[in-house]
Amino acid sequence: MESELSLRILPELSDLTKAIDRITKSISKGLSKAIESPLNKLKDKLKMELDIGTKIAGPKLPQSSLKEMGKQIRKATSVKLYLDLKQANAKNLRFLLANFYLFTFSLLFA
């Protein structure tokens, strides 16, 4: 005589799910508070430093004066370039004249 016994266990998971949800909510609240407070302090410090940087920068110049300064800088650099070329041409001219005189004297005495 054989007999068979089966046992069926149906777990009630609703209480376990509610407990896990409560734990998850409390952990997420704690983590968000732990992360937000240093971030807010960092934002405040960064804002303060940016405010200090803009205050130190000084007055803003009008656009017309900036354009005028740009023109003057371009003019000054072009004049320097022009003077450099003029000086180089003068050196080349002296070199050419010296070679011409040497060539002329060598022809006369040859």
PDB file of N, CA and C in Angstrom:
ATOM      1  N   MET A   1       0.812  -1.155   0.000  1.00  0.00           N
ATOM      2  CA  MET A   1       0.000   0.000   0.000  1.00  0.00           C
ATOM      3  C   MET A   1       0.886   1.260   0.000  1.00  0.00           C
ATOM      4  N   GLU A   2       0.710   1.909  -1.010  1.00  0.00           N
ATOM      5  CA  GLU A   2       1.474   3.140  -1.170  1.00  0.00           C
ATOM      6  C   GLU A   2       0.550   4.325  -1.000  1.00  0.00           C
ATOM      7  N   SER A   3       1.092   5.301  -0.297  1.00  0.00           N
ATOM      8  CA  SER A   3       0.312   6.517  -0.131  1.00  0.00           C
ATOM      9  C   SER A   3       1.183   7.726  -0.519  1.00  0.00           C
ATOM     10  N   GLU A   4       0.541   8.670  -0.958  1.00  0.00           N
ATOM     11  CA  GLU A   4       1.250   9.845  -1.433  1.00  0.00           C
ATOM     12  C   GLU A   4       0.755  11.060  -0.679  1.00  0.00           C
ATOM     13  N   LEU A   5       1.709  11.806  -0.241  1.00  0.00           N
ATOM     14  CA  LEU A   5       1.372  13.001   0.518  1.00  0.00           C
ATOM     15  C   LEU A   5       1.999  14.208  -0.195  1.00  0.00           C
ATOM     16  N   SER A   6       1.243  15.181  -0.449  1.00  0.00           N
ATOM     17  CA  SER A   6       1.785  16.385  -1.076  1.00  0.00           C
ATOM     18  C   SER A   6       1.409  17.586  -0.227  1.00  0.00           C
ATOM     19  N   LEU A   7       2.324  18.460  -0.152  1.00  0.00           N
ATOM     20  CA  LEU A   7       2.132  19.660   0.647  1.00  0.00           C
ATOM     21  C   LEU A   7       2.344  20.867  -0.271  1.00  0.00           C
ATOM     22  N   ARG A   8       1.393  21.702  -0.298  1.00  0.00           N
ATOM     23  CA  ARG A   8       1.463  22.879  -1.141  1.00  0.00           C
ATOM     24  C   ARG A   8       1.562  24.107  -0.248  1.00  0.00           C
ATOM     25  N   ILE A   9       2.650  24.909  -0.473  1.00  0.00           N
ATOM     26  CA  ILE A   9       2.846  26.115   0.339  1.00  0.00           C
ATOM     27  C   ILE A   9       2.697  27.312  -0.575  1.00  0.00           C
ATOM     28  N   LEU A  10       1.771  28.155  -0.261  1.00  0.00           N
ATOM     29  CA  LEU A  10       1.567  29.395  -1.002  1.00  0.00           C
ATOM     30  C   LEU A  10       1.991  30.557  -0.101  1.00  0.00           C
ATOM     31  N   PRO A  11       3.118  31.148  -0.405  1.00  0.00           N
ATOM     32  CA  PRO A  11       3.577  32.230   0.463  1.00  0.00           C
ATOM     33  C   PRO A  11       2.738  33.487   0.260  1.00  0.00           C
ATOM     34  N   GLU A  12       2.566  34.191   1.333  1.00  0.00           N
ATOM     35  CA  GLU A  12       1.859  35.465   1.293  1.00  0.00           C
ATOM     36  C   GLU A  12       2.942  36.547   1.178  1.00  0.00           C
ATOM     37  N   LEU A  13       3.095  37.068  -0.013  1.00  0.00           N
ATOM     38  CA  LEU A  13       4.183  38.006  -0.290  1.00  0.00           C
ATOM     39  C   LEU A  13       3.793  39.463  -0.126  1.00  0.00           C
ATOM     40  N   SER A  14       2.570  39.746   0.102  1.00  0.00           N
ATOM     41  CA  SER A  14       2.147  41.147   0.185  1.00  0.00           C
ATOM     42  C   SER A  14       2.795  41.850   1.380  1.00  0.00           C
ATOM     43  N   ASP A  15       2.875  41.185   2.527  1.00  0.00           N
ATOM     44  CA  ASP A  15       3.521  41.814   3.687  1.00  0.00           C
ATOM     45  C   ASP A  15       5.015  42.044   3.426  1.00  0.00           C
ATOM     46  N   LEU A  16       5.645  41.043   2.814  1.00  0.00           N
ATOM     47  CA  LEU A  16       7.066  41.177   2.487  1.00  0.00           C
ATOM     48  C   LEU A  16       7.290  42.322   1.491  1.00  0.00           C
ATOM     49  N   THR A  17       6.429  42.445   0.506  1.00  0.00           N
ATOM     50  CA  THR A  17       6.530  43.526  -0.481  1.00  0.00           C
ATOM     51  C   THR A  17       6.352  44.889   0.188  1.00  0.00           C
ATOM     52  N   LYS A  18       5.389  45.000   1.108  1.00  0.00           N
ATOM     53  CA  LYS A  18       5.174  46.265   1.814  1.00  0.00           C
ATOM     54  C   LYS A  18       6.401  46.637   2.645  1.00  0.00           C
ATOM     55  N   ALA A  19       6.997  45.653   3.321  1.00  0.00           N
ATOM     56  CA  ALA A  19       8.178  45.920   4.134  1.00  0.00           C
ATOM     57  C   ALA A  19       9.347  46.380   3.265  1.00  0.00           C
ATOM     58  N   ILE A  20       9.528  45.724   2.123  1.00  0.00           N
ATOM     59  CA  ILE A  20      10.619  46.110   1.211  1.00  0.00           C
ATOM     60  C   ILE A  20      10.377  47.511   0.669  1.00  0.00           C
ATOM     61  N   ASP A  21       9.130  47.847   0.344  1.00  0.00           N
ATOM     62  CA  ASP A  21       8.811  49.194  -0.144  1.00  0.00           C
ATOM     63  C   ASP A  21       9.122  50.257   0.908  1.00  0.00           C
ATOM     64  N   ARG A  22       8.774  49.981   2.162  1.00  0.00           N
ATOM     65  CA  ARG A  22       9.070  50.945   3.236  1.00  0.00           C
ATOM     66  C   ARG A  22      10.582  51.131   3.395  1.00  0.00           C
ATOM     67  N   ILE A  23      11.316  50.044   3.362  1.00  0.00           N
ATOM     68  CA  ILE A  23      12.777  50.128   3.498  1.00  0.00           C
ATOM     69  C   ILE A  23      13.374  50.904   2.325  1.00  0.00           C
ATOM     70  N   THR A  24      12.898  50.624   1.130  1.00  0.00           N
ATOM     71  CA  THR A  24      13.398  51.313  -0.067  1.00  0.00           C
ATOM     72  C   THR A  24      13.120  52.812   0.008  1.00  0.00           C
ATOM     73  N   LYS A  25      11.923  53.184   0.440  1.00  0.00           N
ATOM     74  CA  LYS A  25      11.590  54.606   0.556  1.00  0.00           C
ATOM     75  C   LYS A  25      12.460  55.298   1.583  1.00  0.00           C
ATOM     76  N   SER A  26      12.670  54.654   2.727  1.00  0.00           N
ATOM     77  CA  SER A  26      13.484  55.303   3.762  1.00  0.00           C
ATOM     78  C   SER A  26      14.943  55.416   3.322  1.00  0.00           C
ATOM     79  N   ILE A  27      15.436  54.396   2.635  1.00  0.00           N
ATOM     80  CA  ILE A  27      16.822  54.465   2.143  1.00  0.00           C
ATOM     81  C   ILE A  27      16.954  55.545   1.079  1.00  0.00           C
ATOM     82  N   SER A  28      15.983  55.630   0.177  1.00  0.00           N
ATOM     83  CA  SER A  28      16.075  56.638  -0.885  1.00  0.00           C
ATOM     84  C   SER A  28      15.988  58.053  -0.315  1.00  0.00           C
ATOM     85  N   LYS A  29      15.144  58.253   0.700  1.00  0.00           N
ATOM     86  CA  LYS A  29      15.070  59.573   1.334  1.00  0.00           C
ATOM     87  C   LYS A  29      16.389  59.920   2.012  1.00  0.00           C
ATOM     88  N   GLY A  30      16.957  58.941   2.710  1.00  0.00           N
ATOM     89  CA  GLY A  30      18.233  59.187   3.388  1.00  0.00           C
ATOM     90  C   GLY A  30      19.354  59.475   2.407  1.00  0.00           C
ATOM     91  N   LEU A  31      19.394  58.718   1.321  1.00  0.00           N
ATOM     92  CA  LEU A  31      20.433  58.946   0.322  1.00  0.00           C
ATOM     93  C   LEU A  31      20.260  60.299  -0.375  1.00  0.00           C
ATOM     94  N   SER A  32      19.021  60.649  -0.685  1.00  0.00           N
ATOM     95  CA  SER A  32      18.805  61.934  -1.355  1.00  0.00           C
ATOM     96  C   SER A  32      19.200  63.096  -0.447  1.00  0.00           C
ATOM     97  N   LYS A  33      18.899  62.997   0.843  1.00  0.00           N
ATOM     98  CA  LYS A  33      19.322  64.048   1.777  1.00  0.00           C
ATOM     99  C   LYS A  33      20.837  64.090   1.891  1.00  0.00           C
ATOM    100  N   ALA A  34      21.461  62.895   1.948  1.00  0.00           N
ATOM    101  CA  ALA A  34      22.918  62.833   2.078  1.00  0.00           C
ATOM    102  C   ALA A  34      23.611  63.372   0.837  1.00  0.00           C
ATOM    103  N   ILE A  35      23.010  63.235  -0.324  1.00  0.00           N
ATOM    104  CA  ILE A  35      23.622  63.732  -1.555  1.00  0.00           C
ATOM    105  C   ILE A  35      23.294  65.198  -1.785  1.00  0.00           C
ATOM    106  N   GLU A  36      22.078  65.609  -1.490  1.00  0.00           N
ATOM    107  CA  GLU A  36      21.648  66.977  -1.780  1.00  0.00           C
ATOM    108  C   GLU A  36      22.354  68.019  -0.930  1.00  0.00           C
ATOM    109  N   SER A  37      22.580  67.739   0.336  1.00  0.00           N
ATOM    110  CA  SER A  37      23.182  68.767   1.191  1.00  0.00           C
ATOM    111  C   SER A  37      24.607  69.134   0.763  1.00  0.00           C
ATOM    112  N   PRO A  38      25.499  68.175   0.464  1.00  0.00           N
ATOM    113  CA  PRO A  38      26.815  68.607  -0.030  1.00  0.00           C
ATOM    114  C   PRO A  38      26.746  69.281  -1.390  1.00  0.00           C
ATOM    115  N   LEU A  39      25.837  68.812  -2.254  1.00  0.00           N
ATOM    116  CA  LEU A  39      25.703  69.446  -3.563  1.00  0.00           C
ATOM    117  C   LEU A  39      25.214  70.885  -3.440  1.00  0.00           C
ATOM    118  N   ASN A  40      24.281  71.115  -2.539  1.00  0.00           N
ATOM    119  CA  ASN A  40      23.797  72.478  -2.335  1.00  0.00           C
ATOM    120  C   ASN A  40      24.899  73.374  -1.784  1.00  0.00           C
ATOM    121  N   LYS A  41      25.704  72.841  -0.862  1.00  0.00           N
ATOM    122  CA  LYS A  41      26.830  73.619  -0.335  1.00  0.00           C
ATOM    123  C   LYS A  41      27.828  73.937  -1.443  1.00  0.00           C
ATOM    124  N   LEU A  42      28.084  72.949  -2.294  1.00  0.00           N
ATOM    125  CA  LEU A  42      29.008  73.153  -3.402  1.00  0.00           C
ATOM    126  C   LEU A  42      28.468  74.181  -4.393  1.00  0.00           C
ATOM    127  N   LYS A  43      27.175  74.118  -4.679  1.00  0.00           N
ATOM    128  CA  LYS A  43      26.557  75.105  -5.571  1.00  0.00           C
ATOM    129  C   LYS A  43      26.661  76.505  -4.989  1.00  0.00           C
ATOM    130  N   ASP A  44      26.419  76.621  -3.681  1.00  0.00           N
ATOM    131  CA  ASP A  44      26.501  77.935  -3.044  1.00  0.00           C
ATOM    132  C   ASP A  44      27.922  78.498  -3.110  1.00  0.00           C
ATOM    133  N   LYS A  45      28.914  77.646  -2.846  1.00  0.00           N
ATOM    134  CA  LYS A  45      30.303  78.110  -2.908  1.00  0.00           C
ATOM    135  C   LYS A  45      30.678  78.511  -4.326  1.00  0.00           C
ATOM    136  N   LEU A  46      30.248  77.712  -5.300  1.00  0.00           N
ATOM    137  CA  LEU A  46      30.557  78.024  -6.688  1.00  0.00           C
ATOM    138  C   LEU A  46      29.896  79.325  -7.117  1.00  0.00           C
ATOM    139  N   LYS A  47      28.670  79.528  -6.701  1.00  0.00           N
ATOM    140  CA  LYS A  47      27.967  80.765  -7.029  1.00  0.00           C
ATOM    141  C   LYS A  47      28.671  81.961  -6.404  1.00  0.00           C
ATOM    142  N   MET A  48      29.127  81.792  -5.157  1.00  0.00           N
ATOM    143  CA  MET A  48      29.832  82.872  -4.479  1.00  0.00           C
ATOM    144  C   MET A  48      31.141  83.196  -5.207  1.00  0.00           C
ATOM    145  N   GLU A  49      31.876  82.162  -5.629  1.00  0.00           N
ATOM    146  CA  GLU A  49      33.132  82.403  -6.339  1.00  0.00           C
ATOM    147  C   GLU A  49      32.885  83.054  -7.700  1.00  0.00           C
ATOM    148  N   LEU A  50      31.824  82.643  -8.375  1.00  0.00           N
ATOM    149  CA  LEU A  50      31.504  83.265  -9.657  1.00  0.00           C
ATOM    150  C   LEU A  50      31.105  84.722  -9.471  1.00  0.00           C
ATOM    151  N   ASP A  51      30.368  85.013  -8.405  1.00  0.00           N
ATOM    152  CA  ASP A  51      29.997  86.395  -8.116  1.00  0.00           C
ATOM    153  C   ASP A  51      31.228  87.237  -7.833  1.00  0.00           C
ATOM    154  N   ILE A  52      32.164  86.665  -7.080  1.00  0.00           N
ATOM    155  CA  ILE A  52      33.404  87.391  -6.779  1.00  0.00           C
ATOM    156  C   ILE A  52      34.180  87.644  -8.067  1.00  0.00           C
ATOM    157  N   GLY A  53      34.245  86.629  -8.945  1.00  0.00           N
ATOM    158  CA  GLY A  53      34.972  86.787 -10.203  1.00  0.00           C
ATOM    159  C   GLY A  53      34.386  87.862 -11.084  1.00  0.00           C
ATOM    160  N   THR A  54      33.078  87.980 -11.128  1.00  0.00           N
ATOM    161  CA  THR A  54      32.472  89.014 -11.964  1.00  0.00           C
ATOM    162  C   THR A  54      32.640  90.391 -11.346  1.00  0.00           C
ATOM    163  N   LYS A  55      32.684  90.469 -10.026  1.00  0.00           N
ATOM    164  CA  LYS A  55      32.873  91.765  -9.381  1.00  0.00           C
ATOM    165  C   LYS A  55      34.296  92.259  -9.543  1.00  0.00           C
ATOM    166  N   ILE A  56      35.271  91.321  -9.568  1.00  0.00           N
ATOM    167  CA  ILE A  56      36.669  91.707  -9.703  1.00  0.00           C
ATOM    168  C   ILE A  56      36.980  92.123 -11.138  1.00  0.00           C
ATOM    169  N   ALA A  57      36.241  91.610 -12.093  1.00  0.00           N
ATOM    170  CA  ALA A  57      36.537  91.844 -13.511  1.00  0.00           C
ATOM    171  C   ALA A  57      36.554  93.315 -13.876  1.00  0.00           C
ATOM    172  N   GLY A  58      35.862  94.135 -13.161  1.00  0.00           N
ATOM    173  CA  GLY A  58      35.886  95.557 -13.440  1.00  0.00           C
ATOM    174  C   GLY A  58      34.754  95.975 -14.350  1.00  0.00           C
ATOM    175  N   PRO A  59      34.758  97.232 -14.726  1.00  0.00           N
ATOM    176  CA  PRO A  59      33.656  97.730 -15.558  1.00  0.00           C
ATOM    177  C   PRO A  59      33.743  97.178 -16.978  1.00  0.00           C
ATOM    178  N   LYS A  60      32.607  97.046 -17.586  1.00  0.00           N
ATOM    179  CA  LYS A  60      32.567  96.585 -18.968  1.00  0.00           C
ATOM    180  C   LYS A  60      32.708  97.789 -19.887  1.00  0.00           C
ATOM    181  N   LEU A  61      33.545  97.606 -20.899  1.00  0.00           N
ATOM    182  CA  LEU A  61      33.770  98.694 -21.840  1.00  0.00           C
ATOM    183  C   LEU A  61      32.690  98.672 -22.915  1.00  0.00           C
ATOM    184  N   PRO A  62      32.340  99.834 -23.425  1.00  0.00           N
ATOM    185  CA  PRO A  62      31.361  99.859 -24.517  1.00  0.00           C
ATOM    186  C   PRO A  62      31.947  99.233 -25.783  1.00  0.00           C
ATOM    187  N   GLN A  63      31.087  98.734 -26.630  1.00  0.00           N
ATOM    188  CA  GLN A  63      31.502  98.033 -27.841  1.00  0.00           C
ATOM    189  C   GLN A  63      32.314  98.938 -28.766  1.00  0.00           C
ATOM    190  N   SER A  64      31.960 100.220 -28.821  1.00  0.00           N
ATOM    191  CA  SER A  64      32.671 101.146 -29.720  1.00  0.00           C
ATOM    192  C   SER A  64      34.129 101.311 -29.297  1.00  0.00           C
ATOM    193  N   SER A  65      34.379 101.396 -27.989  1.00  0.00           N
ATOM    194  CA  SER A  65      35.765 101.566 -27.547  1.00  0.00           C
ATOM    195  C   SER A  65      36.562 100.288 -27.776  1.00  0.00           C
ATOM    196  N   LEU A  66      35.918  99.135 -27.663  1.00  0.00           N
ATOM    197  CA  LEU A  66      36.620  97.883 -27.961  1.00  0.00           C
ATOM    198  C   LEU A  66      37.003  97.816 -29.434  1.00  0.00           C
ATOM    199  N   LYS A  67      36.108  98.253 -30.312  1.00  0.00           N
ATOM    200  CA  LYS A  67      36.420  98.263 -31.741  1.00  0.00           C
ATOM    201  C   LYS A  67      37.558  99.233 -32.036  1.00  0.00           C
ATOM    202  N   GLU A  68      37.539 100.375 -31.388  1.00  0.00           N
ATOM    203  CA  GLU A  68      38.595 101.373 -31.587  1.00  0.00           C
ATOM    204  C   GLU A  68      39.947 100.832 -31.131  1.00  0.00           C
ATOM    205  N   MET A  69      39.963 100.157 -29.987  1.00  0.00           N
ATOM    206  CA  MET A  69      41.216  99.572 -29.506  1.00  0.00           C
ATOM    207  C   MET A  69      41.711  98.498 -30.465  1.00  0.00           C
ATOM    208  N   GLY A  70      40.792  97.706 -31.025  1.00  0.00           N
ATOM    209  CA  GLY A  70      41.180  96.695 -32.007  1.00  0.00           C
ATOM    210  C   GLY A  70      41.812  97.323 -33.230  1.00  0.00           C
ATOM    211  N   LYS A  71      41.253  98.435 -33.707  1.00  0.00           N
ATOM    212  CA  LYS A  71      41.821  99.140 -34.864  1.00  0.00           C
ATOM    213  C   LYS A  71      43.229  99.639 -34.552  1.00  0.00           C
ATOM    214  N   GLN A  72      43.399 100.209 -33.354  1.00  0.00           N
ATOM    215  CA  GLN A  72      44.712 100.731 -32.981  1.00  0.00           C
ATOM    216  C   GLN A  72      45.746  99.614 -32.870  1.00  0.00           C
ATOM    217  N   ILE A  73      45.333  98.466 -32.343  1.00  0.00           N
ATOM    218  CA  ILE A  73      46.263  97.332 -32.228  1.00  0.00           C
ATOM    219  C   ILE A  73      46.651  96.834 -33.614  1.00  0.00           C
ATOM    220  N   ARG A  74      45.668  96.723 -34.530  1.00  0.00           N
ATOM    221  CA  ARG A  74      45.982  96.288 -35.895  1.00  0.00           C
ATOM    222  C   ARG A  74      46.928  97.284 -36.579  1.00  0.00           C
ATOM    223  N   LYS A  75      46.687  98.560 -36.360  1.00  0.00           N
ATOM    224  CA  LYS A  75      47.537  99.585 -36.973  1.00  0.00           C
ATOM    225  C   LYS A  75      48.958  99.495 -36.421  1.00  0.00           C
ATOM    226  N   ALA A  76      49.084  99.322 -35.110  1.00  0.00           N
ATOM    227  CA  ALA A  76      50.408  99.250 -34.492  1.00  0.00           C
ATOM    228  C   ALA A  76      51.174  98.029 -34.985  1.00  0.00           C
ATOM    229  N   THR A  77      50.520  96.897 -35.106  1.00  0.00           N
ATOM    230  CA  THR A  77      51.228  95.700 -35.562  1.00  0.00           C
ATOM    231  C   THR A  77      51.573  95.792 -37.043  1.00  0.00           C
ATOM    232  N   SER A  78      50.723  96.423 -37.837  1.00  0.00           N
ATOM    233  CA  SER A  78      51.053  96.556 -39.260  1.00  0.00           C
ATOM    234  C   SER A  78      52.205  97.524 -39.452  1.00  0.00           C
ATOM    235  N   VAL A  79      52.288  98.568 -38.655  1.00  0.00           N
ATOM    236  CA  VAL A  79      53.398  99.507 -38.746  1.00  0.00           C
ATOM    237  C   VAL A  79      54.687  98.802 -38.372  1.00  0.00           C
ATOM    238  N   LYS A  80      54.660  97.978 -37.363  1.00  0.00           N
ATOM    239  CA  LYS A  80      55.857  97.239 -36.959  1.00  0.00           C
ATOM    240  C   LYS A  80      56.299  96.314 -38.085  1.00  0.00           C
ATOM    241  N   LEU A  81      55.353  95.649 -38.708  1.00  0.00           N
ATOM    242  CA  LEU A  81      55.677  94.772 -39.823  1.00  0.00           C
ATOM    243  C   LEU A  81      56.255  95.583 -40.972  1.00  0.00           C
ATOM    244  N   TYR A  82      55.678  96.728 -41.231  1.00  0.00           N
ATOM    245  CA  TYR A  82      56.167  97.591 -42.295  1.00  0.00           C
ATOM    246  C   TYR A  82      57.598  98.043 -42.008  1.00  0.00           C
ATOM    247  N   LEU A  83      57.861  98.435 -40.750  1.00  0.00           N
ATOM    248  CA  LEU A  83      59.212  98.852 -40.383  1.00  0.00           C
ATOM    249  C   LEU A  83      60.186  97.706 -40.508  1.00  0.00           C
ATOM    250  N   ASP A  84      59.790  96.510 -40.136  1.00  0.00           N
ATOM    251  CA  ASP A  84      60.666  95.362 -40.264  1.00  0.00           C
ATOM    252  C   ASP A  84      61.004  95.104 -41.733  1.00  0.00           C
ATOM    253  N   LEU A  85      60.020  95.203 -42.614  1.00  0.00           N
ATOM    254  CA  LEU A  85      60.272  95.005 -44.042  1.00  0.00           C
ATOM    255  C   LEU A  85      61.156  96.110 -44.600  1.00  0.00           C
ATOM    256  N   LYS A  86      60.936  97.333 -44.137  1.00  0.00           N
ATOM    257  CA  LYS A  86      61.742  98.456 -44.605  1.00  0.00           C
ATOM    258  C   LYS A  86      63.194  98.263 -44.193  1.00  0.00           C
ATOM    259  N   GLN A  87      63.394  97.794 -42.960  1.00  0.00           N
ATOM    260  CA  GLN A  87      64.747  97.561 -42.465  1.00  0.00           C
ATOM    261  C   GLN A  87      65.409  96.431 -43.252  1.00  0.00           C
ATOM    262  N   ALA A  88      64.657  95.379 -43.535  1.00  0.00           N
ATOM    263  CA  ALA A  88      65.214  94.258 -44.293  1.00  0.00           C
ATOM    264  C   ALA A  88      65.574  94.702 -45.708  1.00  0.00           C
ATOM    265  N   ASN A  89      64.735  95.510 -46.318  1.00  0.00           N
ATOM    266  CA  ASN A  89      65.035  96.007 -47.664  1.00  0.00           C
ATOM    267  C   ASN A  89      66.270  96.902 -47.657  1.00  0.00           C
ATOM    268  N   ALA A  90      66.442  97.696 -46.620  1.00  0.00           N
ATOM    269  CA  ALA A  90      67.616  98.560 -46.517  1.00  0.00           C
ATOM    270  C   ALA A  90      68.879  97.711 -46.392  1.00  0.00           C
ATOM    271  N   LYS A  91      68.836  96.635 -45.635  1.00  0.00           N
ATOM    272  CA  LYS A  91      69.998  95.755 -45.501  1.00  0.00           C
ATOM    273  C   LYS A  91      70.315  95.099 -46.839  1.00  0.00           C
ATOM    274  N   ASN A  92      69.275  94.665 -47.553  1.00  0.00           N
ATOM    275  CA  ASN A  92      69.499  94.051 -48.861  1.00  0.00           C
ATOM    276  C   ASN A  92      70.078  95.053 -49.851  1.00  0.00           C
ATOM    277  N   LEU A  93      69.604  96.290 -49.779  1.00  0.00           N
ATOM    278  CA  LEU A  93      70.119  97.329 -50.673  1.00  0.00           C
ATOM    279  C   LEU A  93      71.598  97.581 -50.396  1.00  0.00           C
ATOM    280  N   ARG A  94      71.983  97.652 -49.114  1.00  0.00           N
ATOM    281  CA  ARG A  94      73.396  97.843 -48.773  1.00  0.00           C
ATOM    282  C   ARG A  94      74.238  96.684 -49.282  1.00  0.00           C
ATOM    283  N   PHE A  95      73.709  95.473 -49.133  1.00  0.00           N
ATOM    284  CA  PHE A  95      74.424  94.291 -49.597  1.00  0.00           C
ATOM    285  C   PHE A  95      74.606  94.332 -51.118  1.00  0.00           C
ATOM    286  N   LEU A  96      73.545  94.703 -51.835  1.00  0.00           N
ATOM    287  CA  LEU A  96      73.620  94.788 -53.297  1.00  0.00           C
ATOM    288  C   LEU A  96      74.594  95.873 -53.741  1.00  0.00           C
ATOM    289  N   LEU A  97      74.561  97.020 -53.051  1.00  0.00           N
ATOM    290  CA  LEU A  97      75.491  98.098 -53.404  1.00  0.00           C
ATOM    291  C   LEU A  97      76.939  97.692 -53.142  1.00  0.00           C
ATOM    292  N   ALA A  98      77.172  97.015 -52.039  1.00  0.00           N
ATOM    293  CA  ALA A  98      78.532  96.569 -51.733  1.00  0.00           C
ATOM    294  C   ALA A  98      79.011  95.581 -52.792  1.00  0.00           C
ATOM    295  N   ASN A  99      78.168  94.670 -53.192  1.00  0.00           N
ATOM    296  CA  ASN A  99      78.551  93.717 -54.239  1.00  0.00           C
ATOM    297  C   ASN A  99      78.781  94.420 -55.580  1.00  0.00           C
ATOM    298  N   PHE A 100      77.954  95.422 -55.875  1.00  0.00           N
ATOM    299  CA  PHE A 100      78.117  96.187 -57.118  1.00  0.00           C
ATOM    300  C   PHE A 100      79.462  96.891 -57.137  1.00  0.00           C
ATOM    301  N   TYR A 101      79.822  97.552 -56.011  1.00  0.00           N
ATOM    302  CA  TYR A 101      81.115  98.250 -55.950  1.00  0.00           C
ATOM    303  C   TYR A 101      82.271  97.274 -56.077  1.00  0.00           C
ATOM    304  N   LEU A 102      82.172  96.120 -55.420  1.00  0.00           N
ATOM    305  CA  LEU A 102      83.242  95.132 -55.526  1.00  0.00           C
ATOM    306  C   LEU A 102      83.373  94.640 -56.971  1.00  0.00           C
ATOM    307  N   PHE A 103      82.261  94.401 -57.600  1.00  0.00           N
ATOM    308  CA  PHE A 103      82.271  93.919 -58.980  1.00  0.00           C
ATOM    309  C   PHE A 103      82.864  94.991 -59.902  1.00  0.00           C
ATOM    310  N   THR A 104      82.474  96.249 -59.666  1.00  0.00           N
ATOM    311  CA  THR A 104      82.962  97.352 -60.494  1.00  0.00           C
ATOM    312  C   THR A 104      84.473  97.527 -60.318  1.00  0.00           C
ATOM    313  N   PHE A 105      84.946  97.514 -59.081  1.00  0.00           N
ATOM    314  CA  PHE A 105      86.384  97.659 -58.837  1.00  0.00           C
ATOM    315  C   PHE A 105      87.164  96.480 -59.388  1.00  0.00           C
ATOM    316  N   SER A 106      86.580  95.298 -59.294  1.00  0.00           N
ATOM    317  CA  SER A 106      87.292  94.128 -59.835  1.00  0.00           C
ATOM    318  C   SER A 106      87.380  94.213 -61.353  1.00  0.00           C
ATOM    319  N   LEU A 107      86.358  94.774 -62.012  1.00  0.00           N
ATOM    320  CA  LEU A 107      86.428  94.961 -63.475  1.00  0.00           C
ATOM    321  C   LEU A 107      87.445  96.040 -63.849  1.00  0.00           C
ATOM    322  N   LEU A 108      87.497  97.107 -63.058  1.00  0.00           N
ATOM    323  CA  LEU A 108      88.442  98.189 -63.356  1.00  0.00           C
ATOM    324  C   LEU A 108      89.886  97.749 -63.178  1.00  0.00           C
ATOM    325  N   PHE A 109      90.173  96.982 -62.183  1.00  0.00           N
ATOM    326  CA  PHE A 109      91.536  96.583 -61.905  1.00  0.00           C
ATOM    327  C   PHE A 109      91.920  95.291 -62.623  1.00  0.00           C
ATOM    328  N   ALA A 110      91.016  94.682 -63.291  1.00  0.00           N
ATOM    329  CA  ALA A 110      91.346  93.435 -63.982  1.00  0.00           C
ATOM    330  C   ALA A 110      91.901  93.627 -65.348  1.00  0.00           C
TER     331      ALA A 110
END
